[in-house]
Amino acid sequence: MAALYLRLKGWRILARRARVAGGEVDIVARRGKLVAFVEVKARADEASAAMALDEYRLRRVAAAAEQLAPKYLRDGDDMRIDAIFVLPRRWPKHLENVWTG
């Protein structure tokens, strides 16, 4: 659902469940010169999804993104860490640039 939502918003999905030693990124997506490493949280409600997206999890996603960046970034690209909450009976909620660490 999260990947479909991103595609509808003009993103191209580069990878799903991209794994490296010590971590994983749920979705790697590109739109223009921006590459987003996206953590997806599917929960019953937004509060539960937000609780599941803690600093520890974001730090692991950021570390994995750093390892994956050379594979997906081109010269002049920007990157960021995003999150998407997938909730029942609602469109996914896309949170941009959730990690500035």
N, C-alpha and C. Protein backbone atom coordinates (compact mmCIF):
# COMPACT_ATOMS: atom_id res chain seq x y z
N MET A 1 0.82 -1.19 0.00
CA MET A 1 0.00 0.00 0.00
C MET A 1 0.87 1.26 0.00
N ALA A 2 1.94 1.25 0.80
CA ALA A 2 2.82 2.42 0.88
C ALA A 2 3.51 2.67 -0.46
N ALA A 3 3.97 1.60 -1.11
CA ALA A 3 4.63 1.75 -2.41
C ALA A 3 3.66 2.28 -3.46
N LEU A 4 2.44 1.78 -3.45
CA LEU A 4 1.43 2.27 -4.39
C LEU A 4 1.16 3.76 -4.15
N TYR A 5 1.03 4.14 -2.91
CA TYR A 5 0.81 5.54 -2.56
C TYR A 5 1.95 6.41 -3.10
N LEU A 6 3.18 5.99 -2.90
CA LEU A 6 4.32 6.76 -3.40
C LEU A 6 4.29 6.87 -4.92
N ARG A 7 3.99 5.76 -5.60
CA ARG A 7 3.92 5.81 -7.07
C ARG A 7 2.86 6.79 -7.53
N LEU A 8 1.72 6.80 -6.85
CA LEU A 8 0.66 7.75 -7.22
C LEU A 8 1.08 9.20 -7.01
N LYS A 9 2.04 9.43 -6.12
CA LYS A 9 2.56 10.77 -5.84
C LYS A 9 3.78 11.11 -6.70
N GLY A 10 4.09 10.26 -7.68
CA GLY A 10 5.17 10.58 -8.62
C GLY A 10 6.53 9.99 -8.28
N TRP A 11 6.60 9.13 -7.29
CA TRP A 11 7.86 8.49 -6.91
C TRP A 11 8.07 7.21 -7.71
N ARG A 12 9.33 6.90 -7.99
CA ARG A 12 9.68 5.63 -8.63
C ARG A 12 10.29 4.75 -7.54
N ILE A 13 9.77 3.55 -7.39
CA ILE A 13 10.26 2.64 -6.37
C ILE A 13 11.53 1.97 -6.89
N LEU A 14 12.63 2.16 -6.16
CA LEU A 14 13.92 1.57 -6.54
C LEU A 14 14.15 0.23 -5.86
N ALA A 15 13.64 0.08 -4.64
CA ALA A 15 13.83 -1.17 -3.90
C ALA A 15 12.79 -1.29 -2.80
N ARG A 16 12.50 -2.52 -2.45
CA ARG A 16 11.66 -2.82 -1.28
C ARG A 16 12.47 -3.76 -0.39
N ARG A 17 12.38 -3.52 0.89
CA ARG A 17 13.09 -4.34 1.88
C ARG A 17 14.58 -4.46 1.54
N ALA A 18 15.21 -3.34 1.33
CA ALA A 18 16.64 -3.30 1.02
C ALA A 18 17.42 -3.57 2.30
N ARG A 19 18.17 -4.66 2.31
CA ARG A 19 18.87 -5.09 3.53
C ARG A 19 20.37 -4.90 3.43
N VAL A 20 20.94 -4.52 4.56
CA VAL A 20 22.38 -4.43 4.72
C VAL A 20 22.70 -4.99 6.11
N ALA A 21 23.97 -5.17 6.38
CA ALA A 21 24.37 -5.64 7.70
C ALA A 21 23.87 -4.67 8.76
N GLY A 22 23.07 -5.16 9.69
CA GLY A 22 22.61 -4.33 10.79
C GLY A 22 21.35 -3.53 10.55
N GLY A 23 20.70 -3.71 9.39
CA GLY A 23 19.49 -2.94 9.20
C GLY A 23 18.79 -3.21 7.88
N GLU A 24 17.68 -2.51 7.73
CA GLU A 24 16.85 -2.67 6.54
C GLU A 24 16.09 -1.37 6.30
N VAL A 25 15.85 -1.08 5.03
CA VAL A 25 15.00 0.04 4.65
C VAL A 25 13.81 -0.57 3.91
N ASP A 26 12.60 -0.21 4.34
CA ASP A 26 11.41 -0.81 3.75
C ASP A 26 11.24 -0.46 2.28
N ILE A 27 11.42 0.83 1.95
CA ILE A 27 11.27 1.27 0.56
C ILE A 27 12.35 2.30 0.25
N VAL A 28 12.96 2.16 -0.92
CA VAL A 28 13.85 3.19 -1.45
C VAL A 28 13.15 3.75 -2.68
N ALA A 29 12.93 5.06 -2.70
CA ALA A 29 12.16 5.67 -3.79
C ALA A 29 12.86 6.93 -4.30
N ARG A 30 12.64 7.23 -5.56
CA ARG A 30 13.24 8.41 -6.19
C ARG A 30 12.15 9.25 -6.83
N ARG A 31 12.30 10.56 -6.68
CA ARG A 31 11.48 11.54 -7.42
C ARG A 31 12.44 12.66 -7.80
N GLY A 32 12.73 12.75 -9.10
CA GLY A 32 13.70 13.74 -9.57
C GLY A 32 15.07 13.46 -8.99
N LYS A 33 15.65 14.45 -8.33
CA LYS A 33 16.99 14.32 -7.75
C LYS A 33 16.95 14.02 -6.26
N LEU A 34 15.81 13.53 -5.78
CA LEU A 34 15.65 13.21 -4.37
C LEU A 34 15.43 11.71 -4.21
N VAL A 35 16.21 11.10 -3.34
CA VAL A 35 16.03 9.69 -3.00
C VAL A 35 15.59 9.62 -1.54
N ALA A 36 14.46 8.95 -1.32
CA ALA A 36 13.93 8.80 0.03
C ALA A 36 14.09 7.35 0.49
N PHE A 37 14.59 7.19 1.69
CA PHE A 37 14.68 5.89 2.34
C PHE A 37 13.52 5.88 3.34
N VAL A 38 12.56 5.01 3.11
CA VAL A 38 11.26 5.10 3.79
C VAL A 38 11.05 3.94 4.75
N GLU A 39 10.72 4.26 5.98
CA GLU A 39 10.31 3.28 6.99
C GLU A 39 8.78 3.24 6.98
N VAL A 40 8.22 2.05 6.87
CA VAL A 40 6.77 1.88 6.81
C VAL A 40 6.28 1.24 8.11
N LYS A 41 5.25 1.82 8.69
CA LYS A 41 4.64 1.29 9.90
C LYS A 41 3.15 1.07 9.65
N ALA A 42 2.72 -0.18 9.67
CA ALA A 42 1.31 -0.51 9.53
C ALA A 42 0.78 -0.84 10.92
N ARG A 43 -0.16 -0.06 11.38
CA ARG A 43 -0.72 -0.22 12.72
C ARG A 43 -2.22 0.05 12.69
N ALA A 44 -2.87 -0.24 13.79
CA ALA A 44 -4.32 -0.06 13.89
C ALA A 44 -4.72 1.41 13.96
N ASP A 45 -3.82 2.24 14.50
CA ASP A 45 -4.13 3.67 14.59
C ASP A 45 -2.84 4.47 14.51
N GLU A 46 -3.00 5.76 14.29
CA GLU A 46 -1.84 6.63 14.09
C GLU A 46 -0.95 6.72 15.34
N ALA A 47 -1.56 6.71 16.51
CA ALA A 47 -0.77 6.77 17.75
C ALA A 47 0.13 5.55 17.89
N SER A 48 -0.38 4.37 17.56
CA SER A 48 0.43 3.15 17.62
C SER A 48 1.57 3.20 16.61
N ALA A 49 1.28 3.72 15.42
CA ALA A 49 2.32 3.83 14.39
C ALA A 49 3.40 4.79 14.84
N ALA A 50 3.00 5.91 15.41
CA ALA A 50 3.97 6.90 15.89
C ALA A 50 4.83 6.33 17.01
N MET A 51 4.24 5.54 17.89
CA MET A 51 5.00 4.93 18.99
C MET A 51 6.03 3.92 18.45
N ALA A 52 5.70 3.28 17.34
CA ALA A 52 6.60 2.28 16.75
C ALA A 52 7.77 2.93 16.02
N LEU A 53 7.69 4.22 15.79
CA LEU A 53 8.73 4.95 15.06
C LEU A 53 9.56 5.75 16.06
N ASP A 54 10.36 5.05 16.81
CA ASP A 54 11.16 5.70 17.86
C ASP A 54 12.55 6.04 17.36
N GLU A 55 13.32 6.70 18.21
CA GLU A 55 14.67 7.14 17.83
C GLU A 55 15.57 5.96 17.49
N TYR A 56 15.45 4.87 18.23
CA TYR A 56 16.25 3.67 17.95
C TYR A 56 15.99 3.16 16.54
N ARG A 57 14.72 3.03 16.18
CA ARG A 57 14.36 2.52 14.85
C ARG A 57 14.85 3.48 13.77
N LEU A 58 14.66 4.78 13.97
CA LEU A 58 15.11 5.75 12.97
C LEU A 58 16.63 5.74 12.82
N ARG A 59 17.34 5.56 13.91
CA ARG A 59 18.81 5.49 13.84
C ARG A 59 19.24 4.29 13.00
N ARG A 60 18.56 3.16 13.17
CA ARG A 60 18.89 1.96 12.37
C ARG A 60 18.58 2.17 10.89
N VAL A 61 17.45 2.82 10.61
CA VAL A 61 17.10 3.11 9.21
C VAL A 61 18.12 4.06 8.61
N ALA A 62 18.52 5.08 9.36
CA ALA A 62 19.51 6.04 8.86
C ALA A 62 20.84 5.35 8.60
N ALA A 63 21.25 4.44 9.48
CA ALA A 63 22.52 3.72 9.28
C ALA A 63 22.43 2.85 8.03
N ALA A 64 21.31 2.18 7.84
CA ALA A 64 21.13 1.36 6.64
C ALA A 64 21.11 2.24 5.39
N ALA A 65 20.46 3.40 5.47
CA ALA A 65 20.41 4.31 4.33
C ALA A 65 21.81 4.78 3.94
N GLU A 66 22.64 5.07 4.93
CA GLU A 66 24.02 5.49 4.65
C GLU A 66 24.77 4.40 3.89
N GLN A 67 24.54 3.15 4.26
CA GLN A 67 25.21 2.03 3.56
C GLN A 67 24.64 1.83 2.16
N LEU A 68 23.35 2.08 2.00
CA LEU A 68 22.70 1.88 0.70
C LEU A 68 22.87 3.06 -0.25
N ALA A 69 23.16 4.22 0.28
CA ALA A 69 23.23 5.44 -0.54
C ALA A 69 24.10 5.30 -1.78
N PRO A 70 25.31 4.74 -1.68
CA PRO A 70 26.14 4.65 -2.90
C PRO A 70 25.50 3.84 -4.02
N LYS A 71 24.63 2.93 -3.66
CA LYS A 71 23.97 2.09 -4.67
C LYS A 71 22.86 2.85 -5.40
N TYR A 72 22.19 3.78 -4.71
CA TYR A 72 21.00 4.41 -5.28
C TYR A 72 21.16 5.89 -5.62
N LEU A 73 22.12 6.57 -5.04
CA LEU A 73 22.29 8.00 -5.32
C LEU A 73 23.21 8.23 -6.50
N ARG A 74 22.88 9.26 -7.27
CA ARG A 74 23.74 9.72 -8.37
C ARG A 74 24.33 11.06 -7.97
N ASP A 75 25.30 11.52 -8.73
CA ASP A 75 25.89 12.84 -8.46
C ASP A 75 24.80 13.90 -8.45
N GLY A 76 24.83 14.76 -7.44
CA GLY A 76 23.88 15.85 -7.34
C GLY A 76 22.57 15.50 -6.67
N ASP A 77 22.37 14.24 -6.30
CA ASP A 77 21.13 13.84 -5.63
C ASP A 77 21.14 14.26 -4.17
N ASP A 78 19.96 14.46 -3.63
CA ASP A 78 19.76 14.65 -2.20
C ASP A 78 19.08 13.40 -1.68
N MET A 79 19.25 13.16 -0.38
CA MET A 79 18.57 12.03 0.24
C MET A 79 17.93 12.46 1.54
N ARG A 80 16.92 11.70 1.95
CA ARG A 80 16.28 11.95 3.23
C ARG A 80 15.66 10.65 3.73
N ILE A 81 15.31 10.67 5.01
CA ILE A 81 14.62 9.55 5.65
C ILE A 81 13.17 9.97 5.84
N ASP A 82 12.25 9.18 5.30
CA ASP A 82 10.82 9.43 5.44
C ASP A 82 10.18 8.27 6.18
N ALA A 83 8.94 8.46 6.57
CA ALA A 83 8.14 7.39 7.16
C ALA A 83 6.75 7.44 6.53
N ILE A 84 6.13 6.29 6.46
CA ILE A 84 4.75 6.21 6.00
C ILE A 84 3.99 5.36 7.01
N PHE A 85 2.88 5.91 7.49
CA PHE A 85 1.98 5.16 8.36
C PHE A 85 0.86 4.60 7.50
N VAL A 86 0.66 3.29 7.57
CA VAL A 86 -0.43 2.64 6.87
C VAL A 86 -1.48 2.27 7.92
N LEU A 87 -2.64 2.88 7.79
CA LEU A 87 -3.71 2.72 8.77
C LEU A 87 -4.96 2.15 8.10
N PRO A 88 -5.77 1.40 8.82
CA PRO A 88 -6.97 0.82 8.21
C PRO A 88 -7.92 1.89 7.70
N ARG A 89 -8.47 1.63 6.52
CA ARG A 89 -9.52 2.46 5.92
C ARG A 89 -9.13 3.93 5.72
N ARG A 90 -7.83 4.19 5.56
CA ARG A 90 -7.36 5.56 5.32
C ARG A 90 -6.21 5.52 4.33
N TRP A 91 -6.01 6.65 3.64
CA TRP A 91 -4.83 6.77 2.80
C TRP A 91 -3.60 6.77 3.70
N PRO A 92 -2.49 6.24 3.22
CA PRO A 92 -1.26 6.28 4.03
C PRO A 92 -0.88 7.73 4.36
N LYS A 93 -0.25 7.89 5.50
CA LYS A 93 0.22 9.21 5.92
C LYS A 93 1.73 9.26 5.72
N HIS A 94 2.19 10.18 4.87
CA HIS A 94 3.61 10.31 4.50
C HIS A 94 4.24 11.42 5.35
N LEU A 95 5.22 11.04 6.15
CA LEU A 95 5.97 12.01 6.95
C LEU A 95 7.33 12.19 6.30
N GLU A 96 7.64 13.39 5.88
CA GLU A 96 8.88 13.67 5.17
C GLU A 96 9.99 14.08 6.13
N ASN A 97 11.21 13.63 5.80
CA ASN A 97 12.41 14.06 6.51
C ASN A 97 12.29 13.89 8.03
N VAL A 98 12.02 12.66 8.46
CA VAL A 98 11.79 12.41 9.89
C VAL A 98 13.08 12.24 10.69
N TRP A 99 14.22 12.16 10.01
CA TRP A 99 15.50 11.98 10.72
C TRP A 99 16.47 13.05 10.27
N THR A 100 16.97 13.81 11.21
CA THR A 100 17.95 14.84 10.87
C THR A 100 19.27 14.56 11.55
N GLY A 101 19.33 13.46 12.33
CA GLY A 101 20.47 13.05 13.13
C GLY A 101 21.78 13.37 12.58
